[in-house]
Amino acid sequence: MIELIASLGYWNWWILGIVLLCVELVAPGTFMLWFGAAALVVGLLSLLIDWSWQAQFITFGVLSIASVGLSRFFLRRKPSEGEAPFLNRRADAIVGRGFVLTEPIVNGRGRLSIDDTVWRIEGPDLPEGTHVTVSAARGSRLVVRQSDA
């Protein structure tokens, strides 16, 4: 077994790196990316340097740990959700806002134009021109109630 490991050349590290990068394409997250990059670097170093298989494995381990650690450090710097809290939840951003009905609510259902979108709304039957406040978001539907304004 030791002879097999010792006989492995630089191309085996490249194959391992490519396999790990392919696993990254299938698996969620960016975890295997760093192991694949470490394997490719060890393959490149093995092409340039004639060194023992033990040193190659140690270098792979050190590069893997370092790249995962650095990636976690840099990914923490990405913008937090606080900077764009409703980016993928537009309905939640509308809760609490007031509007005037342009169409009546009949049988508890209606439509309301907000900015550039027509939303389906639920609430008590109300005539056109009534002031309403959005009280909740249920999926793509907004729940409204009559407001005092």
C-alpha atoms as a PDB file:
ATOM      1  CA  MET A   1       0.000   0.000   0.000  1.00  0.00           C
ATOM      2  CA  ILE A   2       2.844   2.369   0.865  1.00  0.00           C
ATOM      3  CA  GLU A   3       4.441   1.663  -2.517  1.00  0.00           C
ATOM      4  CA  LEU A   4       1.180   2.582  -4.238  1.00  0.00           C
ATOM      5  CA  ILE A   5       0.927   5.854  -2.347  1.00  0.00           C
ATOM      6  CA  ALA A   6       4.617   6.606  -2.975  1.00  0.00           C
ATOM      7  CA  SER A   7       4.203   5.958  -6.705  1.00  0.00           C
ATOM      8  CA  LEU A   8       1.408   8.493  -7.084  1.00  0.00           C
ATOM      9  CA  GLY A   9       2.492  11.437  -9.157  1.00  0.00           C
ATOM     10  CA  TYR A  10       1.387  15.020  -9.514  1.00  0.00           C
ATOM     11  CA  TRP A  11      -1.417  14.056 -11.885  1.00  0.00           C
ATOM     12  CA  ASN A  12      -3.180  12.153  -9.105  1.00  0.00           C
ATOM     13  CA  TRP A  13      -3.446  15.376  -7.111  1.00  0.00           C
ATOM     14  CA  TRP A  14      -4.932  17.073 -10.171  1.00  0.00           C
ATOM     15  CA  ILE A  15      -7.472  14.294 -10.573  1.00  0.00           C
ATOM     16  CA  LEU A  16      -8.371  14.542  -6.870  1.00  0.00           C
ATOM     17  CA  GLY A  17      -8.687  18.321  -7.220  1.00  0.00           C
ATOM     18  CA  ILE A  18     -10.975  18.044 -10.243  1.00  0.00           C
ATOM     19  CA  VAL A  19     -13.097  15.366  -8.539  1.00  0.00           C
ATOM     20  CA  LEU A  20     -13.479  17.578  -5.451  1.00  0.00           C
ATOM     21  CA  LEU A  21     -14.430  20.560  -7.618  1.00  0.00           C
ATOM     22  CA  CYS A  22     -17.036  18.401  -9.382  1.00  0.00           C
ATOM     23  CA  VAL A  23     -18.412  17.336  -5.989  1.00  0.00           C
ATOM     24  CA  GLU A  24     -18.657  21.052  -5.168  1.00  0.00           C
ATOM     25  CA  LEU A  25     -20.892  21.516  -8.208  1.00  0.00           C
ATOM     26  CA  VAL A  26     -23.287  18.860  -6.923  1.00  0.00           C
ATOM     27  CA  ALA A  27     -23.137  19.577  -3.177  1.00  0.00           C
ATOM     28  CA  PRO A  28     -24.491  22.791  -1.688  1.00  0.00           C
ATOM     29  CA  GLY A  29     -22.179  25.370  -0.136  1.00  0.00           C
ATOM     30  CA  THR A  30     -18.571  26.138  -0.928  1.00  0.00           C
ATOM     31  CA  PHE A  31     -16.801  23.659   1.288  1.00  0.00           C
ATOM     32  CA  MET A  32     -15.250  21.176  -1.167  1.00  0.00           C
ATOM     33  CA  LEU A  33     -13.992  24.026  -3.324  1.00  0.00           C
ATOM     34  CA  TRP A  34     -11.193  24.698  -0.868  1.00  0.00           C
ATOM     35  CA  PHE A  35     -10.105  21.057  -0.650  1.00  0.00           C
ATOM     36  CA  GLY A  36     -10.092  20.863  -4.450  1.00  0.00           C
ATOM     37  CA  ALA A  37      -7.996  24.022  -4.695  1.00  0.00           C
ATOM     38  CA  ALA A  38      -5.552  22.626  -2.118  1.00  0.00           C
ATOM     39  CA  ALA A  39      -5.208  19.393  -4.112  1.00  0.00           C
ATOM     40  CA  LEU A  40      -4.551  21.330  -7.326  1.00  0.00           C
ATOM     41  CA  VAL A  41      -1.875  23.421  -5.581  1.00  0.00           C
ATOM     42  CA  VAL A  42      -0.191  20.287  -4.213  1.00  0.00           C
ATOM     43  CA  GLY A  43      -0.301  18.840  -7.737  1.00  0.00           C
ATOM     44  CA  LEU A  44       1.367  21.962  -9.118  1.00  0.00           C
ATOM     45  CA  LEU A  45       4.027  21.886  -6.391  1.00  0.00           C
ATOM     46  CA  SER A  46       4.605  18.172  -7.036  1.00  0.00           C
ATOM     47  CA  LEU A  47       5.233  18.973 -10.678  1.00  0.00           C
ATOM     48  CA  LEU A  48       7.957  21.436  -9.672  1.00  0.00           C
ATOM     49  CA  ILE A  49       9.401  19.711  -6.582  1.00  0.00           C
ATOM     50  CA  ASP A  50      10.425  16.089  -6.048  1.00  0.00           C
ATOM     51  CA  TRP A  51       9.240  15.415  -2.512  1.00  0.00           C
ATOM     52  CA  SER A  52       7.975  12.531  -0.412  1.00  0.00           C
ATOM     53  CA  TRP A  53       4.364  11.465  -0.294  1.00  0.00           C
ATOM     54  CA  GLN A  54       4.289  12.277   3.419  1.00  0.00           C
ATOM     55  CA  ALA A  55       5.225  15.889   2.714  1.00  0.00           C
ATOM     56  CA  GLN A  56       2.570  16.017  -0.006  1.00  0.00           C
ATOM     57  CA  PHE A  57      -0.144  14.814   2.388  1.00  0.00           C
ATOM     58  CA  ILE A  58       0.979  17.208   5.117  1.00  0.00           C
ATOM     59  CA  THR A  59       0.992  20.098   2.640  1.00  0.00           C
ATOM     60  CA  PHE A  60      -2.470  19.110   1.419  1.00  0.00           C
ATOM     61  CA  GLY A  61      -3.770  19.056   4.997  1.00  0.00           C
ATOM     62  CA  VAL A  62      -2.211  22.400   5.887  1.00  0.00           C
ATOM     63  CA  LEU A  63      -3.463  24.053   2.677  1.00  0.00           C
ATOM     64  CA  SER A  64      -6.954  22.602   3.192  1.00  0.00           C
ATOM     65  CA  ILE A  65      -7.237  23.859   6.751  1.00  0.00           C
ATOM     66  CA  ALA A  66      -5.773  27.261   5.849  1.00  0.00           C
ATOM     67  CA  SER A  67      -8.047  27.759   2.846  1.00  0.00           C
ATOM     68  CA  VAL A  68     -11.184  26.783   4.787  1.00  0.00           C
ATOM     69  CA  GLY A  69     -10.180  29.113   7.619  1.00  0.00           C
ATOM     70  CA  LEU A  70      -9.465  32.009   5.248  1.00  0.00           C
ATOM     71  CA  SER A  71     -12.724  31.474   3.382  1.00  0.00           C
ATOM     72  CA  ARG A  72     -14.699  31.614   6.641  1.00  0.00           C
ATOM     73  CA  PHE A  73     -12.886  34.826   7.590  1.00  0.00           C
ATOM     74  CA  PHE A  74     -13.646  36.525   4.270  1.00  0.00           C
ATOM     75  CA  LEU A  75     -17.218  35.249   4.027  1.00  0.00           C
ATOM     76  CA  ARG A  76     -18.016  36.848   7.380  1.00  0.00           C
ATOM     77  CA  ARG A  77     -17.326  40.209   5.745  1.00  0.00           C
ATOM     78  CA  LYS A  78     -20.187  39.852   3.276  1.00  0.00           C
ATOM     79  CA  PRO A  79     -23.125  42.222   3.811  1.00  0.00           C
ATOM     80  CA  SER A  80     -25.405  41.113   6.578  1.00  0.00           C
ATOM     81  CA  GLU A  81     -29.117  40.629   6.120  1.00  0.00           C
ATOM     82  CA  GLY A  82     -29.597  43.876   8.005  1.00  0.00           C
ATOM     83  CA  GLU A  83     -28.506  45.898   4.967  1.00  0.00           C
ATOM     84  CA  ALA A  84     -31.225  44.432   2.723  1.00  0.00           C
ATOM     85  CA  PRO A  85     -33.606  42.598   5.058  1.00  0.00           C
ATOM     86  CA  PHE A  86     -36.498  42.223   2.579  1.00  0.00           C
ATOM     87  CA  LEU A  87     -34.501  41.442  -0.549  1.00  0.00           C
ATOM     88  CA  ASN A  88     -36.276  38.136  -1.231  1.00  0.00           C
ATOM     89  CA  ARG A  89     -39.349  38.796   0.919  1.00  0.00           C
ATOM     90  CA  ARG A  90     -41.076  41.734  -0.755  1.00  0.00           C
ATOM     91  CA  ALA A  91     -44.433  41.021   0.869  1.00  0.00           C
ATOM     92  CA  ASP A  92     -42.941  41.334   4.344  1.00  0.00           C
ATOM     93  CA  ALA A  93     -41.606  44.784   3.442  1.00  0.00           C
ATOM     94  CA  ILE A  94     -45.161  46.005   2.789  1.00  0.00           C
ATOM     95  CA  VAL A  95     -46.558  45.002   6.198  1.00  0.00           C
ATOM     96  CA  GLY A  96     -47.550  48.077   8.163  1.00  0.00           C
ATOM     97  CA  ARG A  97     -47.927  50.384   5.161  1.00  0.00           C
ATOM     98  CA  GLY A  98     -51.222  52.101   4.376  1.00  0.00           C
ATOM     99  CA  PHE A  99     -52.986  52.297   1.011  1.00  0.00           C
ATOM    100  CA  VAL A 100     -56.266  53.331  -0.598  1.00  0.00           C
ATOM    101  CA  LEU A 101     -58.282  50.593  -2.314  1.00  0.00           C
ATOM    102  CA  THR A 102     -58.677  51.147  -6.044  1.00  0.00           C
ATOM    103  CA  GLU A 103     -60.927  48.088  -6.291  1.00  0.00           C
ATOM    104  CA  PRO A 104     -63.427  46.791  -3.690  1.00  0.00           C
ATOM    105  CA  ILE A 105     -62.806  43.714  -1.582  1.00  0.00           C
ATOM    106  CA  VAL A 106     -65.617  41.251  -2.338  1.00  0.00           C
ATOM    107  CA  ASN A 107     -66.092  37.962  -0.475  1.00  0.00           C
ATOM    108  CA  GLY A 108     -62.885  38.601   1.440  1.00  0.00           C
ATOM    109  CA  ARG A 109     -60.704  38.807  -1.679  1.00  0.00           C
ATOM    110  CA  GLY A 110     -59.464  41.631  -3.837  1.00  0.00           C
ATOM    111  CA  ARG A 111     -56.502  43.214  -5.610  1.00  0.00           C
ATOM    112  CA  LEU A 112     -54.337  46.174  -4.715  1.00  0.00           C
ATOM    113  CA  SER A 113     -51.733  47.968  -6.822  1.00  0.00           C
ATOM    114  CA  ILE A 114     -48.622  48.709  -4.803  1.00  0.00           C
ATOM    115  CA  ASP A 115     -45.722  50.418  -6.543  1.00  0.00           C
ATOM    116  CA  ASP A 116     -45.284  48.373  -9.748  1.00  0.00           C
ATOM    117  CA  THR A 117     -47.051  45.183  -8.638  1.00  0.00           C
ATOM    118  CA  VAL A 118     -50.668  44.078  -8.323  1.00  0.00           C
ATOM    119  CA  TRP A 119     -51.076  42.087  -5.104  1.00  0.00           C
ATOM    120  CA  ARG A 120     -53.863  39.733  -4.107  1.00  0.00           C
ATOM    121  CA  ILE A 121     -55.350  40.818  -0.822  1.00  0.00           C
ATOM    122  CA  GLU A 122     -57.561  39.285   1.859  1.00  0.00           C
ATOM    123  CA  GLY A 123     -59.695  41.134   4.345  1.00  0.00           C
ATOM    124  CA  PRO A 124     -63.202  42.240   5.232  1.00  0.00           C
ATOM    125  CA  ASP A 125     -65.477  43.349   2.397  1.00  0.00           C
ATOM    126  CA  LEU A 126     -64.688  47.021   1.808  1.00  0.00           C
ATOM    127  CA  PRO A 127     -65.678  49.475  -0.912  1.00  0.00           C
ATOM    128  CA  GLU A 128     -63.320  51.186  -3.338  1.00  0.00           C
ATOM    129  CA  GLY A 129     -61.598  54.255  -1.845  1.00  0.00           C
ATOM    130  CA  THR A 130     -61.298  52.800   1.668  1.00  0.00           C
ATOM    131  CA  HIS A 131     -58.031  53.366   3.535  1.00  0.00           C
ATOM    132  CA  VAL A 132     -56.434  50.037   4.478  1.00  0.00           C
ATOM    133  CA  THR A 133     -53.298  48.928   6.273  1.00  0.00           C
ATOM    134  CA  VAL A 134     -51.429  45.743   5.427  1.00  0.00           C
ATOM    135  CA  SER A 135     -51.372  43.697   8.634  1.00  0.00           C
ATOM    136  CA  ALA A 136     -49.684  40.476   7.475  1.00  0.00           C
ATOM    137  CA  ALA A 137     -48.254  38.603   4.529  1.00  0.00           C
ATOM    138  CA  ARG A 138     -49.329  35.019   3.787  1.00  0.00           C
ATOM    139  CA  GLY A 139     -47.147  33.830   0.979  1.00  0.00           C
ATOM    140  CA  SER A 140     -48.037  35.963  -2.020  1.00  0.00           C
ATOM    141  CA  ARG A 141     -51.237  37.322  -0.436  1.00  0.00           C
ATOM    142  CA  LEU A 142     -51.470  40.371   1.762  1.00  0.00           C
ATOM    143  CA  VAL A 143     -53.901  40.585   4.641  1.00  0.00           C
ATOM    144  CA  VAL A 144     -55.428  44.058   5.035  1.00  0.00           C
ATOM    145  CA  ARG A 145     -57.625  45.758   7.601  1.00  0.00           C
ATOM    146  CA  GLN A 146     -59.462  49.022   7.465  1.00  0.00           C
ATOM    147  CA  SER A 147     -57.432  51.916   8.832  1.00  0.00           C
ATOM    148  CA  ASP A 148     -58.583  55.077  10.528  1.00  0.00           C
ATOM    149  CA  ALA A 149     -56.906  57.474   8.086  1.00  0.00           C
END
